[in-house]
Amino acid sequence: MSKYDEIKQAAYEANMQLPELGLVLFTFGNASAADRLLGVFAIKPSGVPYKDLSADKMVIIDFDGKIIEGNLRPSSDTLTHAVLYKSFEMIGGIAHTHSTYATAWAQSQRDIPIYGTTHADHTTFDIPCAAPMNDEMIQGNYEYETGFQIINTLKQKNLSYADVEMILVGNHAPFTWGKDATKAVYNSAVLEEIAKMAFITETVKADALRLKGALIKKHYERKHGKDSYYGQG
């Protein structure tokens, strides 16, 4: 038994959820699972169809982006994951998809406004969209720079990775993260639903009003506040 078996299995299961939830097409997207004590993460191999995946095909990478174990080439987004794990010290999972509605918002280069309580159940902030990468970054180490594109956008908007566990990368697609790979995939599914609802809201009423502050506070705190009462505790 390998010391990496647990995160390999977690990464495999997270990746298999992506097509099951309708968040990826063909080999688009990837998910990873980290082991903070070992300083590594397991990630999907590049371009391998989901039906052909297995836990033992996951590739082990350290937080500097170096391959530690695995016979297959890791996801092309591996360095983005490495940068985020190194910078976001409390996360244990990352997911990247090209889900339709979230990607459409990314392509529009717009933050997703907080219109309703479904959004407020998960964050009190608009879903940020990073500005498209400049040419110098694109021509450099592109996937590595994407990680800093995400980090810098959160800083510019005075957000922490705990304030909002999801972001749109302008003209690209969404990334999400969480305490583990399961939560990262959950956040990807939530983001897609929020993006879809916001699109429909603006289609129904172009000048729709944002959710008022009292409802934002109420819905977030009943799930996440110190006196939360949602669920079974």
C-alpha atoms as a PDB file:
ATOM      1  CA  MET A   1       0.000   0.000   0.000  1.00  0.00           C
ATOM      2  CA  SER A   2       1.380   3.401  -1.026  1.00  0.00           C
ATOM      3  CA  LYS A   3       1.332   6.448   1.251  1.00  0.00           C
ATOM      4  CA  TYR A   4      -0.391   8.229  -1.634  1.00  0.00           C
ATOM      5  CA  ASP A   5      -3.272   5.776  -2.028  1.00  0.00           C
ATOM      6  CA  GLU A   6      -5.750   7.890  -0.053  1.00  0.00           C
ATOM      7  CA  ILE A   7      -5.327  11.050  -2.129  1.00  0.00           C
ATOM      8  CA  LYS A   8      -5.199   9.054  -5.354  1.00  0.00           C
ATOM      9  CA  GLN A   9      -8.577   7.553  -4.513  1.00  0.00           C
ATOM     10  CA  ALA A  10      -9.956  10.942  -3.467  1.00  0.00           C
ATOM     11  CA  ALA A  11      -8.750  12.555  -6.695  1.00  0.00           C
ATOM     12  CA  TYR A  12     -10.159   9.697  -8.778  1.00  0.00           C
ATOM     13  CA  GLU A  13     -13.578   9.921  -7.123  1.00  0.00           C
ATOM     14  CA  ALA A  14     -13.643  13.711  -7.491  1.00  0.00           C
ATOM     15  CA  ASN A  15     -12.759  13.511 -11.168  1.00  0.00           C
ATOM     16  CA  MET A  16     -15.441  10.898 -11.791  1.00  0.00           C
ATOM     17  CA  GLN A  17     -18.044  13.230 -10.269  1.00  0.00           C
ATOM     18  CA  LEU A  18     -17.358  15.914 -12.875  1.00  0.00           C
ATOM     19  CA  PRO A  19     -19.004  14.129 -15.830  1.00  0.00           C
ATOM     20  CA  GLU A  20     -21.668  12.626 -13.557  1.00  0.00           C
ATOM     21  CA  LEU A  21     -22.704  16.161 -12.576  1.00  0.00           C
ATOM     22  CA  GLY A  22     -22.633  17.391 -16.167  1.00  0.00           C
ATOM     23  CA  LEU A  23     -19.714  19.737 -15.489  1.00  0.00           C
ATOM     24  CA  VAL A  24     -17.330  18.474 -18.161  1.00  0.00           C
ATOM     25  CA  LEU A  25     -17.444  17.291 -21.769  1.00  0.00           C
ATOM     26  CA  PHE A  26     -14.950  14.777 -23.156  1.00  0.00           C
ATOM     27  CA  THR A  27     -11.685  15.338 -21.228  1.00  0.00           C
ATOM     28  CA  PHE A  28     -12.339  18.981 -20.335  1.00  0.00           C
ATOM     29  CA  GLY A  29     -11.525  19.772 -16.699  1.00  0.00           C
ATOM     30  CA  ASN A  30      -9.764  18.145 -13.787  1.00  0.00           C
ATOM     31  CA  ALA A  31      -9.796  17.749 -10.024  1.00  0.00           C
ATOM     32  CA  SER A  32      -7.053  17.204  -7.476  1.00  0.00           C
ATOM     33  CA  ALA A  33      -6.733  16.145  -3.829  1.00  0.00           C
ATOM     34  CA  ALA A  34      -3.934  17.250  -1.500  1.00  0.00           C
ATOM     35  CA  ASP A  35      -2.112  15.747   1.467  1.00  0.00           C
ATOM     36  CA  ARG A  36      -0.838  18.709   3.469  1.00  0.00           C
ATOM     37  CA  LEU A  37       1.420  16.636   5.719  1.00  0.00           C
ATOM     38  CA  LEU A  38       3.196  15.089   2.738  1.00  0.00           C
ATOM     39  CA  GLY A  39       3.159  18.329   0.746  1.00  0.00           C
ATOM     40  CA  VAL A  40       1.742  16.713  -2.399  1.00  0.00           C
ATOM     41  CA  PHE A  41      -1.442  16.393  -4.408  1.00  0.00           C
ATOM     42  CA  ALA A  42      -2.915  13.807  -6.764  1.00  0.00           C
ATOM     43  CA  ILE A  43      -4.307  15.001 -10.075  1.00  0.00           C
ATOM     44  CA  LYS A  44      -5.914  13.585 -13.223  1.00  0.00           C
ATOM     45  CA  PRO A  45      -3.581  12.618 -16.084  1.00  0.00           C
ATOM     46  CA  SER A  46      -3.816  14.835 -19.160  1.00  0.00           C
ATOM     47  CA  GLY A  47      -6.226  13.932 -21.949  1.00  0.00           C
ATOM     48  CA  VAL A  48      -7.277  10.550 -20.546  1.00  0.00           C
ATOM     49  CA  PRO A  49     -11.027   9.908 -21.018  1.00  0.00           C
ATOM     50  CA  TYR A  50     -12.924   9.674 -17.755  1.00  0.00           C
ATOM     51  CA  LYS A  51     -14.107   6.156 -18.565  1.00  0.00           C
ATOM     52  CA  ASP A  52     -10.477   5.050 -18.699  1.00  0.00           C
ATOM     53  CA  LEU A  53      -9.452   6.578 -15.366  1.00  0.00           C
ATOM     54  CA  SER A  54      -8.576   4.648 -12.218  1.00  0.00           C
ATOM     55  CA  ALA A  55      -7.061   5.655  -8.894  1.00  0.00           C
ATOM     56  CA  ASP A  56      -3.686   4.226  -9.829  1.00  0.00           C
ATOM     57  CA  LYS A  57      -3.523   6.499 -12.901  1.00  0.00           C
ATOM     58  CA  MET A  58      -3.573   9.650 -10.770  1.00  0.00           C
ATOM     59  CA  VAL A  59      -0.257  11.526 -10.815  1.00  0.00           C
ATOM     60  CA  ILE A  60       1.410  12.720  -7.592  1.00  0.00           C
ATOM     61  CA  ILE A  61       2.813  16.267  -7.686  1.00  0.00           C
ATOM     62  CA  ASP A  62       4.503  18.393  -5.011  1.00  0.00           C
ATOM     63  CA  PHE A  63       3.500  21.988  -4.309  1.00  0.00           C
ATOM     64  CA  ASP A  64       6.325  23.249  -6.538  1.00  0.00           C
ATOM     65  CA  GLY A  65       4.816  21.375  -9.486  1.00  0.00           C
ATOM     66  CA  LYS A  66       7.361  18.552  -9.591  1.00  0.00           C
ATOM     67  CA  ILE A  67       6.192  15.033 -10.492  1.00  0.00           C
ATOM     68  CA  ILE A  68       6.778  12.721  -7.513  1.00  0.00           C
ATOM     69  CA  GLU A  69       5.053   9.571  -8.742  1.00  0.00           C
ATOM     70  CA  GLY A  70       3.200   8.431 -11.840  1.00  0.00           C
ATOM     71  CA  ASN A  71       3.814   7.136 -15.347  1.00  0.00           C
ATOM     72  CA  LEU A  72       1.406   9.450 -17.161  1.00  0.00           C
ATOM     73  CA  ARG A  73       1.701  13.141 -17.995  1.00  0.00           C
ATOM     74  CA  PRO A  74      -0.347  15.129 -15.454  1.00  0.00           C
ATOM     75  CA  SER A  75      -3.128  17.557 -16.346  1.00  0.00           C
ATOM     76  CA  SER A  76      -2.038  20.588 -18.344  1.00  0.00           C
ATOM     77  CA  ASP A  77      -3.436  22.702 -15.465  1.00  0.00           C
ATOM     78  CA  THR A  78      -1.154  21.071 -12.881  1.00  0.00           C
ATOM     79  CA  LEU A  79       0.962  24.163 -12.224  1.00  0.00           C
ATOM     80  CA  THR A  80      -2.154  26.229 -11.532  1.00  0.00           C
ATOM     81  CA  HIS A  81      -3.159  23.703  -8.871  1.00  0.00           C
ATOM     82  CA  ALA A  82       0.377  23.739  -7.413  1.00  0.00           C
ATOM     83  CA  VAL A  83       0.418  27.539  -7.099  1.00  0.00           C
ATOM     84  CA  LEU A  84      -2.990  27.572  -5.406  1.00  0.00           C
ATOM     85  CA  TYR A  85      -2.079  24.804  -2.936  1.00  0.00           C
ATOM     86  CA  LYS A  86       1.105  26.645  -2.024  1.00  0.00           C
ATOM     87  CA  SER A  87      -0.730  29.942  -1.495  1.00  0.00           C
ATOM     88  CA  PHE A  88      -4.094  28.812  -0.071  1.00  0.00           C
ATOM     89  CA  GLU A  89      -2.768  26.951   2.951  1.00  0.00           C
ATOM     90  CA  MET A  90      -6.057  25.573   4.278  1.00  0.00           C
ATOM     91  CA  ILE A  91      -7.451  23.975   1.112  1.00  0.00           C
ATOM     92  CA  GLY A  92      -7.328  20.266   0.314  1.00  0.00           C
ATOM     93  CA  GLY A  93      -8.982  20.071  -3.088  1.00  0.00           C
ATOM     94  CA  ILE A  94      -9.261  21.980  -6.365  1.00  0.00           C
ATOM     95  CA  ALA A  95     -11.554  21.518  -9.362  1.00  0.00           C
ATOM     96  CA  HIS A  96     -11.444  23.092 -12.811  1.00  0.00           C
ATOM     97  CA  THR A  97     -14.224  22.719 -15.351  1.00  0.00           C
ATOM     98  CA  HIS A  98     -15.495  24.326 -18.516  1.00  0.00           C
ATOM     99  CA  SER A  99     -19.115  24.051 -17.406  1.00  0.00           C
ATOM    100  CA  THR A 100     -21.411  25.925 -19.780  1.00  0.00           C
ATOM    101  CA  TYR A 101     -22.915  28.772 -17.768  1.00  0.00           C
ATOM    102  CA  ALA A 102     -19.915  29.523 -15.551  1.00  0.00           C
ATOM    103  CA  THR A 103     -17.663  29.536 -18.608  1.00  0.00           C
ATOM    104  CA  ALA A 104     -20.072  31.852 -20.432  1.00  0.00           C
ATOM    105  CA  TRP A 105     -19.758  34.361 -17.575  1.00  0.00           C
ATOM    106  CA  ALA A 106     -15.967  33.967 -17.695  1.00  0.00           C
ATOM    107  CA  GLN A 107     -16.045  34.650 -21.437  1.00  0.00           C
ATOM    108  CA  SER A 108     -18.129  37.768 -20.782  1.00  0.00           C
ATOM    109  CA  GLN A 109     -15.428  38.929 -18.303  1.00  0.00           C
ATOM    110  CA  ARG A 110     -18.093  39.668 -15.693  1.00  0.00           C
ATOM    111  CA  ASP A 111     -18.411  38.970 -12.002  1.00  0.00           C
ATOM    112  CA  ILE A 112     -21.613  37.067 -11.211  1.00  0.00           C
ATOM    113  CA  PRO A 113     -23.828  39.409  -9.141  1.00  0.00           C
ATOM    114  CA  ILE A 114     -25.501  38.089  -6.021  1.00  0.00           C
ATOM    115  CA  TYR A 115     -29.137  38.007  -7.100  1.00  0.00           C
ATOM    116  CA  GLY A 116     -30.643  35.345  -4.880  1.00  0.00           C
ATOM    117  CA  THR A 117     -30.520  33.281  -1.731  1.00  0.00           C
ATOM    118  CA  THR A 118     -28.978  30.222  -3.428  1.00  0.00           C
ATOM    119  CA  HIS A 119     -25.905  32.381  -4.051  1.00  0.00           C
ATOM    120  CA  ALA A 120     -26.020  33.820  -0.516  1.00  0.00           C
ATOM    121  CA  ASP A 121     -26.184  30.322   0.984  1.00  0.00           C
ATOM    122  CA  HIS A 122     -22.594  29.845  -0.195  1.00  0.00           C
ATOM    123  CA  THR A 123     -20.933  33.267  -0.148  1.00  0.00           C
ATOM    124  CA  THR A 124     -21.881  36.847   0.620  1.00  0.00           C
ATOM    125  CA  PHE A 125     -19.829  38.153  -2.309  1.00  0.00           C
ATOM    126  CA  ASP A 126     -20.244  38.334  -6.056  1.00  0.00           C
ATOM    127  CA  ILE A 127     -18.361  35.534  -7.816  1.00  0.00           C
ATOM    128  CA  PRO A 128     -15.217  37.314  -9.050  1.00  0.00           C
ATOM    129  CA  CYS A 129     -13.950  37.188 -12.604  1.00  0.00           C
ATOM    130  CA  ALA A 130     -10.240  37.658 -13.187  1.00  0.00           C
ATOM    131  CA  ALA A 131      -9.308  39.983 -16.037  1.00  0.00           C
ATOM    132  CA  PRO A 132      -7.854  38.234 -19.091  1.00  0.00           C
ATOM    133  CA  MET A 133      -4.154  37.513 -18.740  1.00  0.00           C
ATOM    134  CA  ASN A 134      -1.740  39.992 -20.308  1.00  0.00           C
ATOM    135  CA  ASP A 135       0.400  38.947 -23.282  1.00  0.00           C
ATOM    136  CA  GLU A 136       3.622  38.720 -21.285  1.00  0.00           C
ATOM    137  CA  MET A 137       2.055  36.233 -18.859  1.00  0.00           C
ATOM    138  CA  ILE A 138       0.472  34.254 -21.702  1.00  0.00           C
ATOM    139  CA  GLN A 139       3.811  33.922 -23.463  1.00  0.00           C
ATOM    140  CA  GLY A 140       5.547  32.923 -20.234  1.00  0.00           C
ATOM    141  CA  ASN A 141       4.690  29.953 -18.020  1.00  0.00           C
ATOM    142  CA  TYR A 142       0.977  30.131 -18.792  1.00  0.00           C
ATOM    143  CA  GLU A 143      -0.480  27.611 -16.314  1.00  0.00           C
ATOM    144  CA  TYR A 144       1.821  28.827 -13.526  1.00  0.00           C
ATOM    145  CA  GLU A 145       0.766  32.421 -14.199  1.00  0.00           C
ATOM    146  CA  THR A 146      -2.915  31.412 -14.133  1.00  0.00           C
ATOM    147  CA  GLY A 147      -2.476  30.576 -10.454  1.00  0.00           C
ATOM    148  CA  PHE A 148      -1.181  34.082  -9.778  1.00  0.00           C
ATOM    149  CA  GLN A 149      -3.911  35.570 -11.951  1.00  0.00           C
ATOM    150  CA  ILE A 150      -6.399  34.002  -9.512  1.00  0.00           C
ATOM    151  CA  ILE A 151      -4.467  35.032  -6.389  1.00  0.00           C
ATOM    152  CA  ASN A 152      -3.974  38.615  -7.570  1.00  0.00           C
ATOM    153  CA  THR A 153      -7.646  39.014  -8.490  1.00  0.00           C
ATOM    154  CA  LEU A 154      -8.722  38.027  -4.985  1.00  0.00           C
ATOM    155  CA  LYS A 155      -6.220  40.516  -3.522  1.00  0.00           C
ATOM    156  CA  GLN A 156      -7.438  43.295  -5.813  1.00  0.00           C
ATOM    157  CA  LYS A 157     -11.019  42.658  -4.743  1.00  0.00           C
ATOM    158  CA  ASN A 158     -10.070  42.405  -1.042  1.00  0.00           C
ATOM    159  CA  LEU A 159     -11.247  38.815  -0.885  1.00  0.00           C
ATOM    160  CA  SER A 160      -9.647  35.809   0.759  1.00  0.00           C
ATOM    161  CA  TYR A 161      -9.832  32.262  -0.554  1.00  0.00           C
ATOM    162  CA  ALA A 162     -12.116  31.555   2.422  1.00  0.00           C
ATOM    163  CA  ASP A 163     -14.525  34.383   1.497  1.00  0.00           C
ATOM    164  CA  VAL A 164     -15.306  32.826  -1.869  1.00  0.00           C
ATOM    165  CA  GLU A 165     -14.237  29.318  -2.884  1.00  0.00           C
ATOM    166  CA  MET A 166     -14.769  29.898  -6.592  1.00  0.00           C
ATOM    167  CA  ILE A 167     -13.551  32.211  -9.330  1.00  0.00           C
ATOM    168  CA  LEU A 168     -13.930  32.780 -13.049  1.00  0.00           C
ATOM    169  CA  VAL A 169     -10.790  33.229 -15.126  1.00  0.00           C
ATOM    170  CA  GLY A 170     -11.578  35.769 -17.836  1.00  0.00           C
ATOM    171  CA  ASN A 171     -12.103  34.246 -21.298  1.00  0.00           C
ATOM    172  CA  HIS A 172     -11.179  30.861 -19.849  1.00  0.00           C
ATOM    173  CA  ALA A 173     -13.291  29.000 -17.285  1.00  0.00           C
ATOM    174  CA  PRO A 174     -13.935  28.487 -13.553  1.00  0.00           C
ATOM    175  CA  PHE A 175     -11.742  27.160 -10.774  1.00  0.00           C
ATOM    176  CA  THR A 176     -13.079  26.134  -7.366  1.00  0.00           C
ATOM    177  CA  TRP A 177     -11.478  24.868  -4.170  1.00  0.00           C
ATOM    178  CA  GLY A 178     -12.418  23.612  -0.732  1.00  0.00           C
ATOM    179  CA  LYS A 179     -11.350  21.727   2.375  1.00  0.00           C
ATOM    180  CA  ASP A 180     -11.097  18.549   0.282  1.00  0.00           C
ATOM    181  CA  ALA A 181     -11.647  17.374  -3.289  1.00  0.00           C
ATOM    182  CA  THR A 182     -15.297  16.514  -2.635  1.00  0.00           C
ATOM    183  CA  LYS A 183     -15.999  20.083  -1.489  1.00  0.00           C
ATOM    184  CA  ALA A 184     -14.137  21.514  -4.487  1.00  0.00           C
ATOM    185  CA  VAL A 185     -16.375  19.533  -6.859  1.00  0.00           C
ATOM    186  CA  TYR A 186     -19.456  20.527  -4.840  1.00  0.00           C
ATOM    187  CA  ASN A 187     -18.421  24.163  -5.285  1.00  0.00           C
ATOM    188  CA  SER A 188     -18.064  23.629  -9.042  1.00  0.00           C
ATOM    189  CA  ALA A 189     -21.622  22.320  -9.216  1.00  0.00           C
ATOM    190  CA  VAL A 190     -22.912  25.187  -7.060  1.00  0.00           C
ATOM    191  CA  LEU A 191     -21.081  27.733  -9.208  1.00  0.00           C
ATOM    192  CA  GLU A 192     -22.603  26.327 -12.393  1.00  0.00           C
ATOM    193  CA  GLU A 193     -26.093  26.553 -10.879  1.00  0.00           C
ATOM    194  CA  ILE A 194     -25.512  30.106  -9.619  1.00  0.00           C
ATOM    195  CA  ALA A 195     -24.203  31.117 -13.046  1.00  0.00           C
ATOM    196  CA  LYS A 196     -27.232  29.567 -14.748  1.00  0.00           C
ATOM    197  CA  MET A 197     -29.692  31.255 -12.381  1.00  0.00           C
ATOM    198  CA  ALA A 198     -27.988  34.649 -12.801  1.00  0.00           C
ATOM    199  CA  PHE A 199     -28.093  34.330 -16.591  1.00  0.00           C
ATOM    200  CA  ILE A 200     -31.799  33.465 -16.541  1.00  0.00           C
ATOM    201  CA  THR A 201     -32.477  36.299 -14.076  1.00  0.00           C
ATOM    202  CA  GLU A 202     -30.911  38.851 -16.418  1.00  0.00           C
ATOM    203  CA  THR A 203     -32.746  37.303 -19.378  1.00  0.00           C
ATOM    204  CA  VAL A 204     -36.080  37.696 -17.599  1.00  0.00           C
ATOM    205  CA  LYS A 205     -35.242  41.212 -16.358  1.00  0.00           C
ATOM    206  CA  ALA A 206     -32.131  42.942 -17.633  1.00  0.00           C
ATOM    207  CA  ASP A 207     -32.079  45.436 -14.749  1.00  0.00           C
ATOM    208  CA  ALA A 208     -32.864  42.903 -12.015  1.00  0.00           C
ATOM    209  CA  LEU A 209     -32.089  44.108  -8.499  1.00  0.00           C
ATOM    210  CA  ARG A 210     -29.326  42.566  -6.420  1.00  0.00           C
ATOM    211  CA  LEU A 211     -30.301  40.620  -3.308  1.00  0.00           C
ATOM    212  CA  LYS A 212     -30.676  43.017  -0.394  1.00  0.00           C
ATOM    213  CA  GLY A 213     -28.148  42.917   2.425  1.00  0.00           C
ATOM    214  CA  ALA A 214     -30.481  41.617   5.129  1.00  0.00           C
ATOM    215  CA  LEU A 215     -31.300  38.512   3.076  1.00  0.00           C
ATOM    216  CA  ILE A 216     -27.651  37.958   2.164  1.00  0.00           C
ATOM    217  CA  LYS A 217     -26.694  38.044   5.838  1.00  0.00           C
ATOM    218  CA  LYS A 218     -29.612  35.859   6.941  1.00  0.00           C
ATOM    219  CA  HIS A 219     -29.090  33.102   4.394  1.00  0.00           C
ATOM    220  CA  TYR A 220     -25.341  32.914   4.836  1.00  0.00           C
ATOM    221  CA  GLU A 221     -25.408  32.964   8.631  1.00  0.00           C
ATOM    222  CA  ARG A 222     -28.168  30.389   9.017  1.00  0.00           C
ATOM    223  CA  LYS A 223     -25.811  27.950   7.284  1.00  0.00           C
ATOM    224  CA  HIS A 224     -22.385  29.192   8.316  1.00  0.00           C
ATOM    225  CA  GLY A 225     -22.745  31.601  11.237  1.00  0.00           C
ATOM    226  CA  LYS A 226     -21.946  30.850  14.884  1.00  0.00           C
ATOM    227  CA  ASP A 227     -25.650  30.265  15.534  1.00  0.00           C
ATOM    228  CA  SER A 228     -26.302  28.327  12.313  1.00  0.00           C
ATOM    229  CA  TYR A 229     -29.303  26.032  12.351  1.00  0.00           C
ATOM    230  CA  TYR A 230     -29.323  24.482   8.880  1.00  0.00           C
ATOM    231  CA  GLY A 231     -28.949  20.699   8.763  1.00  0.00           C
ATOM    232  CA  GLN A 232     -28.597  18.239  11.613  1.00  0.00           C
ATOM    233  CA  GLY A 233     -25.554  19.698  13.315  1.00  0.00           C
END
